Amino acid sequence: MEMKLEVVLVPVSDVDRAKAFYEKLGWRMDIDYVGDEAGFRVVQFTPPGSECSIIFGEGITAADPGSYEGLQLTVTDIVAAREELVGLGIEVSEVFHDSGGIFHHIGDASRTIGVAPENADYGSFASFSDPDGNGWLLQEINKRAPGR
């Protein structure tokens, strides 16, 4: 049986502020639905090239706004992707890799500035947050691991 991740609910405190942020990123807005009952709104965005979308709004999740971290977006050129976001006015970390291995540790104590040694796939990251503090990571991947 095939299963694909379709949607991730992202908890936000201000729907219009979040909507403006994700529009600024250049993500496609798929829906902005306001329900008949008060306190229900669904906004869906899809990053360019992604099959998975995010949804935020009112009355859709009990998670605390800004409580998500490590939401990952894959890119083929981490430096260019970072520069593009910075050009859009998004605050983005420097490109980094984890000093202890291929995947990043929580926080920034194990971060080493610069791309991964030998520009290894899965090893280079940059981070940014939405206005509520939900944390996003860019991860550079050009050649997927076998089975992926």
Foldseek 3Di string as FASTA:
>chain_A
DDDDAAEAEAEADDVVQLVVQVVLLVWDWDDWDDDPDPFDIWTWTHHPPDNHIYIYGGPPDPDDHQPAAEAEDEDADAVVSVVVCVVSVFDKAAKWFFQVDLAHDPDCPRTDGDADVVNDFSTIWMWGAGPRNRIYIYGHHDDDDPPD
